[in-house]
Amino acid sequence: MKTLRQLLSAEDIIQLLIRLGLLALLIIWTFVIIRPFVSILTWSAVLAVAFFPAFSWLAKLLGGRPRTAAAILTLIALGIVLGPAAWLGVSAVEGVKDLASQLGTGELALQPAPERVKTWPLIGPQLYELWDQAYTNIRAVLREIAPYLKPLAGPLLSFAGDAGLGTLQFLVSVLVSGILLPFGPQLVAVTRGFLARIVPEQSEHFLALAGATIRAVAQGVIGVAIIQALLAGIGFKLADIPSAGLLAFVVLLLSIVQIGPLIVLLPVIIWIWTDKDVTTALLLTVFLVLVGFLDNILKPLVMGRGLTTPTLVILIGVIGGTLAHGIIGLFIGPIILSVAWELAAAWIRIDSGAPVEKPTSG
């Protein structure tokens, strides 16, 4: 039997190589052109998938008007981005710049033990002494390591500078997601057709699994983390906490990687009791404690099937996404990596003959 090389003449081989080269050039060129918009388009698609259940419900409520429903959801999302999210972002940028300035000068501001702590019953004197010793020791350590921390000032300022671009990307993404919502069924059909060519027997399952995972992570992880960070930021501002926006951003990060915000909230609550009167401190403490446990209430409501993606995968997605795409990558990274993890795990289960869990729509 003749081989392919024997069946093709030299001229045919040259033409085939030219066609493949032109095709490769077209693909590479296309990627170069759309590369600046990859993060925006990806986040827009994620928002569209996450909002689609609410969009469908609202469209039915309005008597089958998908464009009106999409416009209403887009305006609500824009209001959130332009309102509390923008306020949190500006406050976080100011906090990052202040921290970078302190690192640049080698003088980090620390809170000494307030004198009023001594008047607390039972634990006051001991807590004051412990706080004062920790303050003294930490300042001594910071003086030693300050020269090594100065190089971090540049990256922090660069990160703060990218925040404006990140905000613009968020706005564009929300607008694009609003445009995509009415065309959801057509886009799903295109995706189903694409998957049918790659995994013809499991295309429906993989499509449902990808959608369920996107909604679970976008709503149950990213969405809940944003709500917690916004509410925590409001509490920090009401308490006049220094660098309230930066602390709220740290709450956002800790909530996304599933560590939880209590690491930040507990020191803040202690600071509040040293600085505020009893009534104000009590009210703020109750509010921040509720914020700290809010994820335990919201996640079961918005994550129908729960999240099976390991925390390490989400953490890698947060770090890698931020390094690759900046602020917006902080949210894209864990979602894309979670989808890839779930699809890979499902593929392995199918190949090994293990029972495959049917995804539920969230």
Protein backbone atom coordinates (compact mmCIF):
# COMPACT_ATOMS: atom_id res chain seq x y z
CA MET A 1 0.00 0.00 0.00
CA LYS A 2 1.43 3.38 -1.01
CA THR A 3 2.23 5.86 1.70
CA LEU A 4 0.93 9.44 1.77
CA ARG A 5 4.35 10.75 0.71
CA GLN A 6 4.27 8.51 -2.39
CA LEU A 7 0.73 9.58 -3.30
CA LEU A 8 1.53 13.31 -3.04
CA SER A 9 3.81 14.96 -5.52
CA ALA A 10 6.40 17.53 -4.52
CA GLU A 11 4.13 20.31 -5.77
CA ASP A 12 1.22 19.03 -3.67
CA ILE A 13 3.41 18.91 -0.56
CA ILE A 14 4.58 22.49 -1.14
CA GLN A 15 0.99 23.70 -1.60
CA LEU A 16 -0.09 21.84 1.57
CA LEU A 17 2.74 23.43 3.56
CA ILE A 18 1.84 26.89 2.22
CA ARG A 19 -1.81 26.42 3.19
CA LEU A 20 -0.89 25.18 6.67
CA GLY A 21 1.53 28.09 7.07
CA LEU A 22 -1.10 30.62 6.02
CA LEU A 23 -3.63 29.01 8.37
CA ALA A 24 -1.15 29.14 11.25
CA LEU A 25 -0.34 32.77 10.41
CA LEU A 26 -4.05 33.62 10.36
CA ILE A 27 -4.63 31.94 13.74
CA ILE A 28 -1.62 33.65 15.35
CA TRP A 29 -2.53 37.02 13.87
CA THR A 30 -6.13 36.67 15.05
CA PHE A 31 -4.94 35.87 18.56
CA VAL A 32 -2.61 38.88 18.58
CA ILE A 33 -5.49 41.15 17.56
CA ILE A 34 -7.98 39.86 20.15
CA ARG A 35 -5.43 39.33 22.92
CA PRO A 36 -6.06 42.73 24.58
CA PHE A 37 -9.75 41.86 24.78
CA VAL A 38 -9.45 38.26 26.02
CA SER A 39 -9.91 39.13 29.69
CA ILE A 40 -12.86 41.43 28.95
CA LEU A 41 -14.60 38.88 26.72
CA THR A 42 -13.97 36.06 29.20
CA TRP A 43 -15.34 38.03 32.14
CA SER A 44 -18.32 39.12 30.04
CA ALA A 45 -19.09 35.48 29.22
CA VAL A 46 -18.77 34.53 32.90
CA LEU A 47 -21.14 37.34 33.93
CA ALA A 48 -23.60 36.30 31.25
CA VAL A 49 -23.61 32.69 32.45
CA ALA A 50 -23.89 33.77 36.11
CA PHE A 51 -26.73 36.23 35.41
CA PHE A 52 -28.63 34.02 32.98
CA PRO A 53 -31.03 32.43 35.55
CA ALA A 54 -31.95 35.89 36.86
CA PHE A 55 -32.21 37.15 33.28
CA SER A 56 -34.58 34.33 32.28
CA TRP A 57 -36.77 34.93 35.33
CA LEU A 58 -36.92 38.68 34.71
CA ALA A 59 -37.64 38.23 31.00
CA LYS A 60 -40.62 35.98 31.83
CA LEU A 61 -41.79 38.45 34.48
CA LEU A 62 -41.75 41.23 31.87
CA GLY A 63 -43.86 39.19 29.47
CA GLY A 64 -41.10 37.77 27.27
CA ARG A 65 -38.99 40.89 26.76
CA PRO A 66 -35.36 39.70 26.82
CA ARG A 67 -33.83 42.99 25.71
CA THR A 68 -35.61 44.94 28.43
CA ALA A 69 -34.58 42.37 31.03
CA ALA A 70 -30.97 42.52 29.84
CA ALA A 71 -31.01 46.34 29.99
CA ILE A 72 -32.37 46.32 33.57
CA LEU A 73 -29.76 43.80 34.76
CA THR A 74 -27.01 45.76 33.03
CA LEU A 75 -28.08 49.01 34.71
CA ILE A 76 -28.17 47.30 38.11
CA ALA A 77 -24.70 45.80 37.57
CA LEU A 78 -23.34 49.15 36.37
CA GLY A 79 -24.81 50.82 39.45
CA ILE A 80 -22.97 48.35 41.67
CA VAL A 81 -19.69 48.80 39.77
CA LEU A 82 -19.94 52.60 39.65
CA GLY A 83 -21.19 52.87 43.22
CA PRO A 84 -19.92 50.77 46.13
CA ALA A 85 -17.40 48.78 44.08
CA ALA A 86 -15.78 51.95 42.73
CA TRP A 87 -15.71 53.44 46.22
CA LEU A 88 -14.06 50.29 47.57
CA GLY A 89 -11.57 50.28 44.70
CA VAL A 90 -10.58 53.93 45.19
CA SER A 91 -10.16 53.38 48.94
CA ALA A 92 -8.06 50.27 48.32
CA VAL A 93 -5.85 52.15 45.84
CA GLU A 94 -5.28 54.92 48.38
CA GLY A 95 -4.36 52.31 50.99
CA VAL A 96 -1.94 50.58 48.63
CA LYS A 97 -0.27 53.90 47.75
CA ASP A 98 0.05 54.77 51.43
CA LEU A 99 1.59 51.35 52.16
CA ALA A 100 3.98 51.74 49.22
CA SER A 101 5.02 55.15 50.52
CA GLN A 102 5.71 53.72 53.97
CA LEU A 103 7.73 50.88 52.46
CA GLY A 104 9.69 53.37 50.37
CA THR A 105 10.65 55.42 53.41
CA GLY A 106 11.20 52.37 55.59
CA GLU A 107 8.73 53.58 58.24
CA LEU A 108 5.64 51.42 58.67
CA ALA A 109 2.93 53.00 60.84
CA LEU A 110 1.83 50.78 63.72
CA GLN A 111 -0.85 51.31 66.34
CA PRO A 112 0.59 51.50 69.89
CA ALA A 113 -1.38 50.13 72.81
CA PRO A 114 -4.03 52.68 73.90
CA GLU A 115 -3.92 53.68 77.54
CA ARG A 116 -7.63 52.99 78.01
CA VAL A 117 -6.99 49.25 77.56
CA LYS A 118 -5.54 49.27 81.08
CA THR A 119 -8.98 50.17 82.47
CA TRP A 120 -10.66 47.06 81.04
CA PRO A 121 -11.78 44.66 83.78
CA LEU A 122 -9.93 41.39 84.31
CA ILE A 123 -7.84 41.30 81.11
CA GLY A 124 -7.03 45.02 80.70
CA PRO A 125 -3.56 45.25 82.28
CA GLN A 126 -2.39 41.93 80.82
CA LEU A 127 -3.67 42.81 77.35
CA TYR A 128 -2.01 46.23 77.51
CA GLU A 129 1.34 44.73 78.49
CA LEU A 130 1.12 42.07 75.77
CA TRP A 131 0.16 44.67 73.14
CA ASP A 132 2.94 47.02 74.20
CA GLN A 133 5.56 44.26 74.06
CA ALA A 134 4.36 43.13 70.64
CA TYR A 135 4.40 46.74 69.39
CA THR A 136 7.96 47.26 70.59
CA ASN A 137 9.23 43.95 69.22
CA ILE A 138 7.53 44.33 65.84
CA ARG A 139 8.93 47.84 65.40
CA ALA A 140 12.41 46.51 66.14
CA VAL A 141 11.97 43.72 63.59
CA LEU A 142 10.63 46.13 60.97
CA ARG A 143 13.67 48.38 61.38
CA GLU A 144 15.88 45.40 60.56
CA ILE A 145 13.93 44.22 57.53
CA ALA A 146 12.90 47.67 56.20
CA PRO A 147 15.73 47.78 53.60
CA TYR A 148 14.52 44.47 52.19
CA LEU A 149 10.90 45.67 51.99
CA LYS A 150 11.68 48.82 49.99
CA PRO A 151 11.80 46.98 46.61
CA LEU A 152 8.14 46.05 47.14
CA ALA A 153 7.10 49.71 46.89
CA GLY A 154 7.48 49.78 43.08
CA PRO A 155 5.26 46.74 42.36
CA LEU A 156 2.64 48.02 44.81
CA LEU A 157 2.48 51.39 43.06
CA SER A 158 2.26 49.64 39.69
CA PHE A 159 -0.58 47.49 41.03
CA ALA A 160 -2.39 50.59 42.25
CA GLY A 161 -1.88 52.24 38.86
CA ASP A 162 -3.50 49.30 37.08
CA ALA A 163 -6.65 49.69 39.18
CA GLY A 164 -8.01 52.44 36.89
CA LEU A 165 -7.64 50.19 33.85
CA GLY A 166 -9.24 47.34 35.80
CA THR A 167 -12.26 49.49 36.62
CA LEU A 168 -12.67 50.41 32.94
CA GLN A 169 -12.44 46.72 32.01
CA PHE A 170 -15.17 45.92 34.52
CA LEU A 171 -17.46 48.55 33.03
CA VAL A 172 -16.90 47.29 29.48
CA SER A 173 -17.39 43.69 30.61
CA VAL A 174 -20.73 44.50 32.21
CA LEU A 175 -21.91 46.23 29.03
CA VAL A 176 -20.78 43.33 26.83
CA SER A 177 -22.44 40.78 29.13
CA GLY A 178 -25.68 42.72 28.84
CA ILE A 179 -25.41 42.46 25.05
CA LEU A 180 -24.72 38.71 25.25
CA LEU A 181 -27.66 37.84 27.52
CA PRO A 182 -30.46 38.01 24.88
CA PHE A 183 -28.37 35.78 22.59
CA GLY A 184 -27.80 33.14 25.28
CA PRO A 185 -29.60 30.26 23.50
CA GLN A 186 -27.71 30.88 20.25
CA LEU A 187 -24.37 31.02 22.06
CA VAL A 188 -25.18 27.80 23.92
CA ALA A 189 -26.04 26.13 20.60
CA VAL A 190 -22.69 27.23 19.13
CA THR A 191 -20.82 25.93 22.18
CA ARG A 192 -22.75 22.66 22.06
CA GLY A 193 -21.83 22.23 18.40
CA PHE A 194 -18.17 22.92 19.15
CA LEU A 195 -18.11 20.40 22.01
CA ALA A 196 -19.92 17.84 19.85
CA ARG A 197 -16.92 17.79 17.52
CA ILE A 198 -14.46 17.30 20.39
CA VAL A 199 -16.37 15.01 22.79
CA PRO A 200 -19.45 13.91 20.81
CA GLU A 201 -20.74 11.46 23.44
CA GLN A 202 -20.32 13.78 26.43
CA SER A 203 -20.94 17.22 24.92
CA GLU A 204 -24.22 17.78 26.77
CA HIS A 205 -22.75 16.67 30.09
CA PHE A 206 -19.64 18.80 29.73
CA LEU A 207 -21.70 21.82 28.70
CA ALA A 208 -23.95 21.47 31.73
CA LEU A 209 -20.97 20.86 34.02
CA ALA A 210 -19.14 23.94 32.73
CA GLY A 211 -22.23 26.13 33.21
CA ALA A 212 -22.89 24.78 36.72
CA THR A 213 -19.26 25.29 37.74
CA ILE A 214 -19.17 28.86 36.41
CA ARG A 215 -22.33 29.73 38.32
CA ALA A 216 -21.12 27.99 41.49
CA VAL A 217 -17.78 29.83 41.55
CA ALA A 218 -19.07 33.16 40.20
CA GLN A 219 -22.03 33.33 42.59
CA GLY A 220 -20.93 31.26 45.57
CA VAL A 221 -17.26 32.28 45.73
CA ILE A 222 -16.70 35.54 43.82
CA GLY A 223 -20.15 37.01 44.46
CA VAL A 224 -20.22 36.21 48.17
CA ALA A 225 -16.63 37.49 48.56
CA ILE A 226 -17.55 40.79 46.91
CA ILE A 227 -20.59 41.21 49.17
CA GLN A 228 -18.52 40.45 52.27
CA ALA A 229 -15.78 42.87 51.20
CA LEU A 230 -18.26 45.68 50.47
CA LEU A 231 -20.05 45.25 53.80
CA ALA A 232 -16.75 44.93 55.68
CA GLY A 233 -15.52 48.09 53.94
CA ILE A 234 -18.64 49.94 55.06
CA GLY A 235 -18.04 48.79 58.63
CA PHE A 236 -14.37 49.82 58.47
CA LYS A 237 -15.32 53.26 57.16
CA LEU A 238 -17.94 53.76 59.87
CA ALA A 239 -15.30 52.86 62.45
CA ASP A 240 -12.75 55.25 60.88
CA ILE A 241 -10.26 52.42 60.47
CA PRO A 242 -7.01 53.54 58.78
CA SER A 243 -6.66 52.07 55.27
CA ALA A 244 -10.23 50.78 55.38
CA GLY A 245 -10.33 50.16 51.62
CA LEU A 246 -7.09 48.17 51.67
CA LEU A 247 -8.35 46.02 54.54
CA ALA A 248 -11.62 45.43 52.65
CA PHE A 249 -9.58 44.32 49.63
CA VAL A 250 -7.71 41.87 51.88
CA VAL A 251 -11.10 40.58 53.05
CA LEU A 252 -12.02 40.06 49.39
CA LEU A 253 -8.86 38.04 48.74
CA LEU A 254 -9.25 35.90 51.86
CA SER A 255 -12.89 35.19 51.04
CA ILE A 256 -12.11 34.17 47.46
CA VAL A 257 -9.40 31.71 48.52
CA GLN A 258 -11.81 30.26 51.12
CA ILE A 259 -9.77 31.30 54.16
CA GLY A 260 -12.44 33.67 55.42
CA PRO A 261 -12.35 37.28 56.63
CA LEU A 262 -12.13 36.62 60.38
CA ILE A 263 -8.33 36.99 60.27
CA VAL A 264 -8.88 40.66 59.42
CA LEU A 265 -12.12 41.23 61.31
CA LEU A 266 -10.93 40.08 64.75
CA PRO A 267 -8.02 42.59 65.03
CA VAL A 268 -10.32 45.32 63.71
CA ILE A 269 -12.92 44.51 66.36
CA ILE A 270 -10.24 44.69 69.07
CA TRP A 271 -9.11 48.07 67.71
CA ILE A 272 -12.71 49.32 67.70
CA TRP A 273 -13.12 48.48 71.40
CA THR A 274 -9.97 50.42 72.19
CA ASP A 275 -11.03 53.51 70.23
CA LYS A 276 -14.83 53.79 70.42
CA ASP A 277 -17.41 54.11 73.17
CA VAL A 278 -19.19 50.96 74.34
CA THR A 279 -22.41 51.48 72.35
CA THR A 280 -20.62 52.20 69.06
CA ALA A 281 -18.15 49.36 69.59
CA LEU A 282 -20.96 46.92 70.37
CA LEU A 283 -22.98 47.86 67.28
CA LEU A 284 -19.94 47.67 64.98
CA THR A 285 -18.88 44.35 66.52
CA VAL A 286 -22.30 42.80 65.89
CA PHE A 287 -22.25 44.10 62.31
CA LEU A 288 -18.73 42.81 61.54
CA VAL A 289 -19.41 39.42 63.16
CA LEU A 290 -22.47 39.04 60.94
CA VAL A 291 -20.33 39.98 57.93
CA GLY A 292 -17.75 37.38 58.95
CA PHE A 293 -20.31 34.58 59.01
CA LEU A 294 -22.30 35.81 56.02
CA ASP A 295 -20.70 33.27 53.68
CA ASN A 296 -22.11 30.42 55.81
CA ILE A 297 -25.59 31.74 55.06
CA LEU A 298 -25.25 32.82 51.42
CA LYS A 299 -23.20 29.96 49.98
CA PRO A 300 -25.79 27.22 50.64
CA LEU A 301 -28.40 29.46 49.00
CA VAL A 302 -26.50 30.22 45.77
CA MET A 303 -24.45 27.03 45.36
CA GLY A 304 -26.94 24.28 44.65
CA ARG A 305 -24.45 21.43 44.22
CA GLY A 306 -21.68 22.87 46.35
CA LEU A 307 -18.10 23.39 45.24
CA THR A 308 -15.92 20.34 44.70
CA THR A 309 -12.93 22.26 43.34
CA PRO A 310 -9.99 22.11 45.80
CA THR A 311 -9.02 25.35 47.54
CA LEU A 312 -5.50 25.05 46.13
CA VAL A 313 -6.87 25.23 42.58
CA ILE A 314 -8.79 28.41 43.43
CA LEU A 315 -5.69 29.91 45.09
CA ILE A 316 -3.55 29.16 42.03
CA GLY A 317 -6.27 30.65 39.85
CA VAL A 318 -6.30 33.86 41.92
CA ILE A 319 -2.51 34.27 41.76
CA GLY A 320 -2.10 33.22 38.14
CA GLY A 321 -5.11 35.21 36.95
CA THR A 322 -3.89 38.37 38.68
CA LEU A 323 -0.39 38.01 37.25
CA ALA A 324 -1.75 37.37 33.75
CA HIS A 325 -4.65 39.84 33.56
CA GLY A 326 -4.31 42.26 36.48
CA ILE A 327 -7.27 43.12 38.70
CA ILE A 328 -9.86 41.50 36.46
CA GLY A 329 -7.78 38.31 36.42
CA LEU A 330 -8.33 38.06 40.17
CA PHE A 331 -11.91 37.01 39.35
CA ILE A 332 -11.36 35.26 36.01
CA GLY A 333 -8.50 33.05 37.18
CA PRO A 334 -10.30 30.92 39.79
CA ILE A 335 -13.37 30.52 37.58
CA ILE A 336 -11.47 29.35 34.48
CA LEU A 337 -9.20 27.05 36.50
CA SER A 338 -12.20 25.59 38.36
CA VAL A 339 -13.97 24.84 35.08
CA ALA A 340 -10.82 23.22 33.69
CA TRP A 341 -10.44 21.15 36.87
CA GLU A 342 -14.04 19.96 36.88
CA LEU A 343 -13.99 19.06 33.17
CA ALA A 344 -10.68 17.22 33.51
CA ALA A 345 -11.98 15.32 36.55
CA ALA A 346 -15.18 14.41 34.70
CA TRP A 347 -13.17 13.25 31.67
CA ILE A 348 -11.00 11.02 33.88
CA ARG A 349 -14.06 9.52 35.57
CA ILE A 350 -15.61 8.78 32.17
CA ASP A 351 -12.45 7.13 30.85
CA SER A 352 -12.07 5.04 34.01
CA GLY A 353 -15.70 3.96 33.93
CA ALA A 354 -16.50 5.58 37.29
CA PRO A 355 -20.03 6.93 37.85
CA VAL A 356 -20.36 10.52 36.71
CA GLU A 357 -22.23 13.02 38.88
CA LYS A 358 -24.96 14.85 37.02
CA PRO A 359 -24.52 18.61 37.42
CA THR A 360 -27.42 20.64 38.71
CA SER A 361 -28.30 24.05 37.40
CA GLY A 362 -27.58 26.82 39.90
